[in-house]
Protein backbone atom coordinates (compact mmCIF):
# COMPACT_ATOMS: atom_id res chain seq x y z
CA MET A 1 0.00 0.00 0.00
CA LEU A 2 1.02 3.58 -0.58
CA ASP A 3 2.20 5.42 2.51
CA GLU A 4 0.78 8.86 1.71
CA SER A 5 2.45 10.42 4.74
CA LEU A 6 5.80 9.53 3.19
CA LEU A 7 5.03 11.64 0.13
CA ASP A 8 5.32 14.84 2.14
CA THR A 9 8.50 13.83 3.98
CA PRO A 10 11.40 14.55 1.60
CA GLU A 11 14.04 13.07 3.88
CA ALA A 12 12.14 9.80 4.21
CA LEU A 13 11.55 9.68 0.46
CA ALA A 14 15.26 10.10 -0.20
CA GLU A 15 16.07 7.31 2.24
CA ALA A 16 13.48 4.98 0.68
CA ASP A 17 14.66 5.72 -2.87
CA ARG A 18 17.41 3.10 -2.96
CA ARG A 19 17.51 3.02 -6.77
CA ALA A 20 17.98 6.80 -7.15
CA LEU A 21 14.81 7.02 -9.23
CA LEU A 22 13.84 10.45 -7.93
CA ARG A 23 17.29 11.77 -8.70
CA GLY A 24 17.04 10.35 -12.21
CA ALA A 25 13.69 12.05 -12.75
CA ALA A 26 14.98 15.35 -11.38
CA GLU A 27 18.09 15.25 -13.57
CA ALA A 28 16.28 14.49 -16.83
CA GLY A 29 16.89 18.00 -18.13
CA ALA A 30 20.59 17.75 -17.33
CA ARG A 31 20.74 14.40 -19.15
CA VAL A 32 19.28 16.02 -22.25
CA ARG A 33 21.88 18.80 -22.20
CA THR A 34 24.73 16.34 -21.64
CA ALA A 35 23.46 14.10 -24.43
CA VAL A 36 23.25 17.06 -26.81
CA ARG A 37 26.82 17.99 -25.96
CA HIS A 38 28.05 14.42 -26.46
CA ALA A 39 26.26 14.23 -29.81
CA ALA A 40 27.82 17.49 -30.97
CA GLU A 41 31.27 16.31 -29.91
CA ALA A 42 30.70 13.09 -31.88
CA GLY A 43 30.07 15.14 -35.02
CA ILE A 44 26.27 15.04 -35.33
CA ASN A 45 26.01 18.69 -36.33
CA GLY A 46 28.42 18.21 -39.21
CA LEU A 47 26.59 15.29 -40.81
CA LYS A 48 25.50 15.80 -44.43
CA PRO A 49 23.23 12.85 -45.27
CA ASP A 50 22.52 12.00 -48.89
CA GLY A 51 18.81 11.64 -48.23
CA ARG A 52 16.30 9.91 -46.05
CA PRO A 53 16.70 6.22 -45.30
CA ARG A 54 14.10 3.83 -46.63
CA ALA A 55 13.52 2.53 -43.10
CA VAL A 56 14.91 3.14 -39.63
CA LEU A 57 15.55 -0.01 -37.61
CA ILE A 58 15.98 0.25 -33.83
CA ALA A 59 17.48 -2.48 -31.66
CA GLY A 60 18.10 -2.50 -27.95
CA PRO A 61 17.05 -4.20 -24.72
CA GLY A 62 14.23 -3.32 -22.39
CA ALA A 63 11.66 -0.61 -22.11
CA ALA A 64 13.98 2.29 -22.93
CA ALA A 65 14.65 1.05 -26.46
CA THR A 66 10.98 0.17 -26.92
CA HIS A 67 9.83 3.63 -25.88
CA ALA A 68 12.54 5.35 -27.91
CA SER A 69 11.30 3.48 -30.97
CA ASP A 70 7.69 4.37 -30.18
CA LEU A 71 8.49 8.05 -29.68
CA LEU A 72 10.70 8.34 -32.75
CA GLY A 73 8.11 6.62 -34.91
CA THR A 74 5.43 9.00 -33.68
CA LEU A 75 7.55 12.10 -34.25
CA ALA A 76 8.84 10.95 -37.65
CA GLY A 77 5.39 10.23 -39.01
CA ALA A 78 5.15 8.55 -42.39
CA GLY A 79 8.43 9.89 -43.80
CA SER A 80 10.35 6.68 -43.15
CA PRO A 81 8.97 3.78 -41.12
CA VAL A 82 10.60 3.31 -37.72
CA ILE A 83 10.72 -0.39 -36.93
CA ARG A 84 11.82 -1.90 -33.63
CA LEU A 85 13.77 -5.13 -33.88
CA ALA A 86 12.40 -7.19 -31.00
CA PRO A 87 14.90 -9.57 -29.42
CA THR A 88 14.49 -13.29 -28.88
CA GLY A 89 16.16 -15.50 -26.30
CA VAL A 90 15.64 -17.66 -23.25
CA ALA A 91 16.13 -14.84 -20.72
CA PRO A 92 16.37 -11.03 -20.63
CA ALA A 93 20.06 -11.19 -19.72
CA ALA A 94 22.59 -9.37 -21.90
CA GLY A 95 24.22 -12.59 -23.05
CA ALA A 96 20.95 -14.37 -23.81
CA LEU A 97 19.19 -11.83 -26.03
CA ARG A 98 19.41 -12.19 -29.80
CA TRP A 99 18.73 -9.67 -32.56
CA GLU A 100 18.61 -10.28 -36.30
CA LEU A 101 18.26 -7.93 -39.25
CA PRO A 102 15.23 -8.55 -41.45
CA GLY A 103 16.07 -10.14 -44.77
CA TRP A 104 15.18 -7.02 -46.75
CA ALA A 105 17.48 -4.65 -44.82
CA GLY A 106 20.25 -3.20 -46.94
CA SER A 107 22.25 -0.17 -47.98
CA VAL A 108 19.31 2.24 -48.05
CA ASP A 109 18.35 1.55 -44.42
CA LEU A 110 19.56 2.98 -41.11
CA LEU A 111 20.20 0.82 -38.04
CA LEU A 112 20.03 2.50 -34.63
CA ILE A 113 21.24 0.62 -31.56
CA ALA A 114 20.26 2.01 -28.16
CA THR A 115 21.31 0.31 -24.93
CA PRO A 116 22.23 1.43 -21.40
CA ASP A 117 24.50 -1.63 -21.13
CA GLY A 118 26.66 -2.12 -24.21
CA THR A 119 27.90 -5.60 -23.34
CA GLU A 120 25.28 -7.54 -25.33
CA PRO A 121 27.21 -9.82 -27.73
CA SER A 122 24.28 -10.00 -30.14
CA LEU A 123 24.17 -6.22 -30.58
CA SER A 124 27.84 -6.24 -31.52
CA HIS A 125 27.09 -9.03 -33.98
CA LEU A 126 24.14 -7.03 -35.31
CA ALA A 127 26.38 -4.04 -36.01
CA ASP A 128 28.75 -6.28 -37.95
CA GLN A 129 25.87 -7.90 -39.83
CA ALA A 130 24.51 -4.46 -40.77
CA TYR A 131 27.94 -3.37 -42.01
CA ARG A 132 28.17 -6.42 -44.26
CA ARG A 133 24.71 -5.63 -45.62
CA GLY A 134 25.66 -2.02 -46.30
CA CYS A 135 23.39 -0.49 -43.62
CA THR A 136 24.47 2.69 -41.88
CA VAL A 137 25.00 1.95 -38.18
CA VAL A 138 24.58 4.42 -35.30
CA ALA A 139 24.72 3.37 -31.65
CA VAL A 140 24.06 5.06 -28.32
CA ALA A 141 25.63 3.25 -25.37
CA PRO A 142 28.08 3.80 -22.52
CA THR A 143 31.67 4.40 -23.57
CA ARG A 144 34.39 1.75 -23.31
CA THR A 145 32.01 -1.13 -23.98
CA PRO A 146 32.22 -3.98 -26.49
CA LEU A 147 29.46 -2.36 -28.54
CA ALA A 148 31.48 0.84 -28.92
CA GLU A 149 34.34 -1.21 -30.37
CA ALA A 150 32.00 -3.14 -32.65
CA VAL A 151 30.47 0.04 -34.07
CA ALA A 152 33.92 1.46 -34.74
CA GLY A 153 34.79 -1.76 -36.55
CA ALA A 154 31.62 -1.44 -38.61
CA HIS A 155 32.61 2.13 -39.60
CA GLY A 156 29.50 3.39 -37.84
CA LEU A 157 28.82 6.40 -35.65
CA PHE A 158 29.06 5.89 -31.90
CA LEU A 159 27.28 8.39 -29.63
CA PRO A 160 28.28 8.19 -25.95
CA MET A 161 25.34 7.77 -23.60
CA ALA A 162 24.92 10.52 -21.01
CA THR A 163 25.52 8.70 -17.73
CA ALA A 164 25.72 9.71 -14.08
CA PRO A 165 28.15 8.36 -11.45
CA TYR A 166 25.37 6.63 -9.52
CA ASP A 167 24.31 4.71 -12.65
CA GLN A 168 27.06 2.23 -11.86
CA ASP A 169 25.87 1.52 -8.32
CA GLU A 170 23.38 -1.13 -9.47
CA PRO A 171 21.74 -2.22 -12.74
CA LEU A 172 19.57 0.48 -14.26
CA ALA A 173 15.84 -0.14 -14.58
CA ALA A 174 14.90 0.08 -18.24
CA SER A 175 12.00 2.39 -17.38
CA ALA A 176 14.09 4.68 -15.17
CA PRO A 177 13.57 8.33 -16.21
CA GLY A 178 17.22 9.13 -16.85
CA VAL A 179 17.74 6.15 -19.14
CA LEU A 180 15.06 7.17 -21.64
CA TRP A 181 16.38 10.71 -22.15
CA ALA A 182 20.01 9.59 -22.27
CA LEU A 183 19.20 7.21 -25.14
CA LEU A 184 16.50 9.22 -26.90
CA THR A 185 18.17 12.64 -27.11
CA PRO A 186 21.12 11.69 -29.36
CA LEU A 187 18.74 9.84 -31.67
CA LEU A 188 16.51 12.91 -31.91
CA ALA A 189 19.53 15.00 -32.86
CA LEU A 190 20.57 12.42 -35.45
CA LEU A 191 17.16 12.10 -37.09
CA ASP A 192 16.89 15.88 -37.19
CA ARG A 193 20.03 15.94 -39.32
CA VAL A 194 18.67 13.12 -41.48
CA GLY A 195 15.48 15.12 -42.02
CA LEU A 196 13.01 12.65 -40.53
CA LEU A 197 11.85 14.96 -37.74
CA SER A 198 12.46 18.40 -36.31
CA ALA A 199 14.70 18.44 -33.24
CA PRO A 200 17.33 21.16 -33.71
CA PRO A 201 19.59 22.09 -30.77
CA GLU A 202 17.34 24.98 -29.74
CA ALA A 203 14.32 22.64 -29.59
CA LEU A 204 16.24 20.16 -27.43
CA GLU A 205 17.26 23.02 -25.14
CA LYS A 206 13.56 23.85 -24.73
CA VAL A 207 12.92 20.20 -23.86
CA ALA A 208 15.61 20.38 -21.18
CA ASP A 209 14.09 23.59 -19.81
CA ARG A 210 10.62 22.02 -19.71
CA LEU A 211 11.99 18.97 -17.89
CA ASP A 212 13.68 21.26 -15.37
CA HIS A 213 10.40 23.12 -14.89
CA ILE A 214 8.53 19.88 -14.22
CA ALA A 215 11.25 18.77 -11.80
CA GLU A 216 10.65 21.97 -9.84
CA ARG A 217 6.86 21.43 -9.81
CA CYS A 218 7.04 17.72 -8.99
CA GLY A 219 10.10 17.47 -6.75
CA PRO A 220 10.09 15.77 -3.32
CA ALA A 221 10.06 19.10 -1.48
CA ILE A 222 6.77 20.19 -3.09
CA ALA A 223 3.70 19.26 -1.04
CA THR A 224 1.20 16.80 -2.47
CA TYR A 225 -1.64 19.31 -2.78
CA SER A 226 0.38 21.43 -5.24
CA ASN A 227 2.43 18.62 -6.80
CA PRO A 228 0.71 17.02 -9.83
CA ALA A 229 2.90 13.90 -9.74
CA LYS A 230 2.37 13.22 -6.03
CA THR A 231 -1.34 13.90 -6.45
CA LEU A 232 -1.56 11.40 -9.31
CA ALA A 233 0.42 8.81 -7.33
CA ALA A 234 -1.95 9.18 -4.37
CA GLU A 235 -4.98 8.90 -6.66
CA LEU A 236 -3.64 5.68 -8.19
CA ALA A 237 -3.00 3.97 -4.85
CA ASP A 238 -5.01 0.71 -4.76
CA ALA A 239 -6.42 1.45 -8.23
CA LEU A 240 -6.19 -0.14 -11.65
CA PRO A 241 -5.18 2.72 -13.97
CA LEU A 242 -7.02 2.89 -17.28
CA VAL A 243 -4.70 5.19 -19.22
CA TRP A 244 -6.60 6.93 -22.01
CA THR A 245 -4.66 9.10 -24.41
CA GLU A 246 -5.74 11.71 -26.93
CA GLY A 247 -3.48 13.33 -29.46
CA THR A 248 -0.47 12.09 -31.38
CA SER A 249 2.16 12.67 -28.70
CA ALA A 250 0.04 11.48 -25.80
CA GLY A 251 -0.07 7.92 -27.17
CA PRO A 252 3.60 7.02 -26.57
CA ALA A 253 3.55 8.95 -23.28
CA GLY A 254 0.66 6.81 -22.07
CA ARG A 255 2.31 3.58 -23.15
CA ARG A 256 5.49 4.58 -21.36
CA PHE A 257 3.51 5.45 -18.21
CA ALA A 258 1.92 2.00 -18.14
CA ALA A 259 5.31 0.33 -18.59
CA ALA A 260 6.90 2.47 -15.86
CA LEU A 261 4.06 1.67 -13.45
CA ALA A 262 4.58 -2.04 -14.04
CA GLU A 263 8.39 -2.11 -13.92
CA LEU A 264 9.06 0.47 -11.22
CA ALA A 265 6.00 0.28 -8.96
CA GLY A 266 4.56 -3.16 -9.72
CA VAL A 267 1.22 -1.60 -10.66
CA PRO A 268 -0.64 -3.07 -13.65
CA ALA A 269 -2.27 -0.66 -16.07
CA VAL A 270 -4.08 -0.83 -19.39
CA VAL A 271 -3.71 1.72 -22.18
CA ALA A 272 -5.91 2.75 -25.09
CA GLU A 273 -6.28 5.78 -27.33
CA LEU A 274 -9.43 7.85 -27.58
CA PRO A 275 -11.97 7.50 -29.01
CA GLU A 276 -11.44 3.72 -29.32
CA ALA A 277 -10.79 3.48 -25.57
CA LEU A 278 -14.46 4.20 -24.91
CA ALA A 279 -15.46 0.94 -26.58
CA ALA A 280 -12.38 -1.07 -25.60
CA HIS A 281 -12.73 -0.40 -21.87
CA SER A 282 -16.48 0.02 -21.45
CA ALA A 283 -16.85 -3.56 -20.19
CA LEU A 284 -14.12 -2.95 -17.60
CA LEU A 285 -16.00 0.06 -16.28
CA ALA A 286 -19.29 -1.83 -16.20
CA GLY A 287 -17.84 -4.81 -14.35
CA PRO A 288 -16.56 -5.44 -10.82
CA LEU A 289 -13.72 -2.93 -11.25
CA ALA A 290 -16.14 0.00 -11.29
CA ALA A 291 -15.99 2.06 -8.11
CA GLY A 292 -19.70 1.58 -7.47
CA ALA A 293 -19.68 -2.15 -8.18
CA ASP A 294 -19.44 -3.23 -4.53
CA PRO A 295 -22.21 -1.72 -2.39
CA GLU A 296 -20.76 -3.43 0.69
CA ASP A 297 -17.57 -1.37 0.44
CA PHE A 298 -19.25 1.41 2.42
CA PHE A 299 -19.33 -0.88 5.45
CA ARG A 300 -15.76 -2.19 5.05
CA ASP A 301 -13.44 -1.91 8.05
CA ARG A 302 -10.93 0.68 6.78
CA VAL A 303 -8.27 -0.54 9.22
CA GLU A 304 -8.54 -4.32 9.04
CA GLU A 305 -9.77 -4.93 5.49
CA PRO A 306 -7.75 -3.91 2.43
CA PRO A 307 -9.66 -1.92 -0.18
CA ALA A 308 -10.97 -3.66 -3.27
CA LEU A 309 -9.23 -2.89 -6.54
CA HIS A 310 -11.18 -0.37 -8.59
CA ALA A 311 -10.48 1.29 -11.90
CA ARG A 312 -9.40 4.89 -12.23
CA VAL A 313 -9.20 6.63 -15.59
CA VAL A 314 -6.06 8.65 -16.31
CA LEU A 315 -6.64 10.94 -19.28
CA LEU A 316 -3.48 12.20 -20.99
CA ARG A 317 -4.12 14.83 -23.66
CA ASP A 318 -1.98 16.95 -25.93
CA ARG A 319 -4.85 18.70 -27.68
CA PRO A 320 -6.37 22.06 -26.72
CA ILE A 321 -9.88 22.00 -25.33
CA SER A 322 -11.22 23.87 -28.39
CA SER A 323 -10.27 21.17 -30.93
CA LEU A 324 -12.24 18.10 -31.90
CA THR A 325 -12.02 15.92 -28.82
CA ALA A 326 -13.52 12.82 -27.23
CA ALA A 327 -12.65 14.02 -23.73
CA PRO A 328 -16.26 14.99 -22.79
CA ALA A 329 -17.48 11.54 -23.82
CA ALA A 330 -14.65 9.97 -21.82
CA ARG A 331 -15.61 11.92 -18.71
CA ASP A 332 -19.27 11.02 -19.14
CA LEU A 333 -18.50 7.31 -19.52
CA ALA A 334 -16.25 7.24 -16.45
CA LEU A 335 -18.61 9.19 -14.24
CA SER A 336 -21.63 7.18 -15.38
CA HIS A 337 -19.94 4.16 -13.78
CA ASP A 338 -18.84 6.09 -10.67
CA THR A 339 -15.24 5.79 -11.84
CA PRO A 340 -12.95 8.67 -10.85
CA ILE A 341 -10.85 10.35 -13.50
CA SER A 342 -7.49 12.12 -13.38
CA GLU A 343 -6.49 14.45 -16.22
CA LEU A 344 -3.14 15.74 -17.40
CA GLU A 345 -2.71 18.25 -20.18
CA PRO A 346 0.62 19.99 -20.84
CA GLU A 347 1.22 23.70 -21.04
CA GLU A 348 1.59 25.28 -24.46
CA GLY A 349 4.70 24.49 -26.46
CA ASP A 350 5.93 22.61 -29.48
CA GLU A 351 5.40 18.87 -29.89
CA LEU A 352 8.65 17.87 -28.21
CA GLU A 353 8.03 20.13 -25.21
CA THR A 354 4.50 18.91 -24.57
CA LEU A 355 5.59 15.31 -24.99
CA ALA A 356 8.43 15.85 -22.53
CA GLU A 357 6.03 17.34 -19.98
CA LEU A 358 3.61 14.42 -20.15
CA ILE A 359 6.46 11.93 -19.82
CA ALA A 360 8.09 13.83 -16.96
CA ILE A 361 4.96 14.15 -14.81
CA THR A 362 3.97 10.53 -15.28
CA ASP A 363 7.55 9.39 -14.66
CA PHE A 364 7.55 11.24 -11.34
CA ALA A 365 4.17 9.72 -10.46
CA ALA A 366 5.41 6.19 -11.18
CA VAL A 367 8.53 6.83 -9.12
CA TYR A 368 6.53 8.15 -6.15
CA LEU A 369 4.31 5.07 -6.27
CA ALA A 370 7.40 2.86 -6.36
CA VAL A 371 9.25 4.61 -3.55
CA ALA A 372 6.34 5.25 -1.17
CA SER A 373 4.94 1.75 -1.61
CA ARG A 374 8.18 -0.08 -0.87
CA SER A 375 9.44 1.76 2.17
């Protein structure tokens, strides 16, 4: 259960945060700036590509690579398909995972490798395989790793991952806030140069500023009543989150939130995009998960008996209220089944800024649930 009193005790939160998740969330803006600097030092700004690749292939372990692929595909649109190469293997360990290029991959395609580890033998083999096929290879990983050597041998471009000293204390969670931005930022800078999306240095600086702003609003020292991340974490205690998204950028943010809840906090969640979510989850809201489904709950002993699991809708939007929206119908459906609803909508800004804000607030919320529930 969530210890809500812990949320407003910064010292206790810091002591309970043994995986440095809060620090990672707070330093997301700094990670972006460091990653931009590393990318510039690696020569990103001087690249002169001959044209767009036919397809962009992304390989890497865990949630960070999955979300990077999802985000890049959303931002790139239909210009070139962004395809994640899912690994196979008998275990999620670095030595057990296997990646293979699709048979059609060749000289007109771009292979991106993103990993917070860099010791995966199969990723090194993949870089060599791509080189023999004529694919351009770009990798983001920690320096002085086998993958860095393999990419150099494949005449590819290696972009050092922005790391922090405490990253080496214990294995990084794939959904940890710092990992995503350390891997995603160099790839944004690269694909901006390729012409697949717009992420010039000034746009990435705005992303870093927005992440810093959210860290100030959602930090441990900010009380729950004025902290959107702590408020959301408290609302999701003992609830099954139904994450509904509306707008292009909100989709990957919602999928990342569900993954972070599962990996960091052990909280299951289901995700769907509006308006399809209204049909996809209507049976969930009409069933035993609805807040009003158990009339005996009113008489439950609040001390001795744990609360029943009930659904709570989390609506993530990146559209202004004035545009065509299914949000009113979503609210009506939730409230008609006595299901509470939490809403997040970013402040004005470009697509990267609003996406960063949604990710940052939900990352903080997942971290607070993880830390305050495990103390």
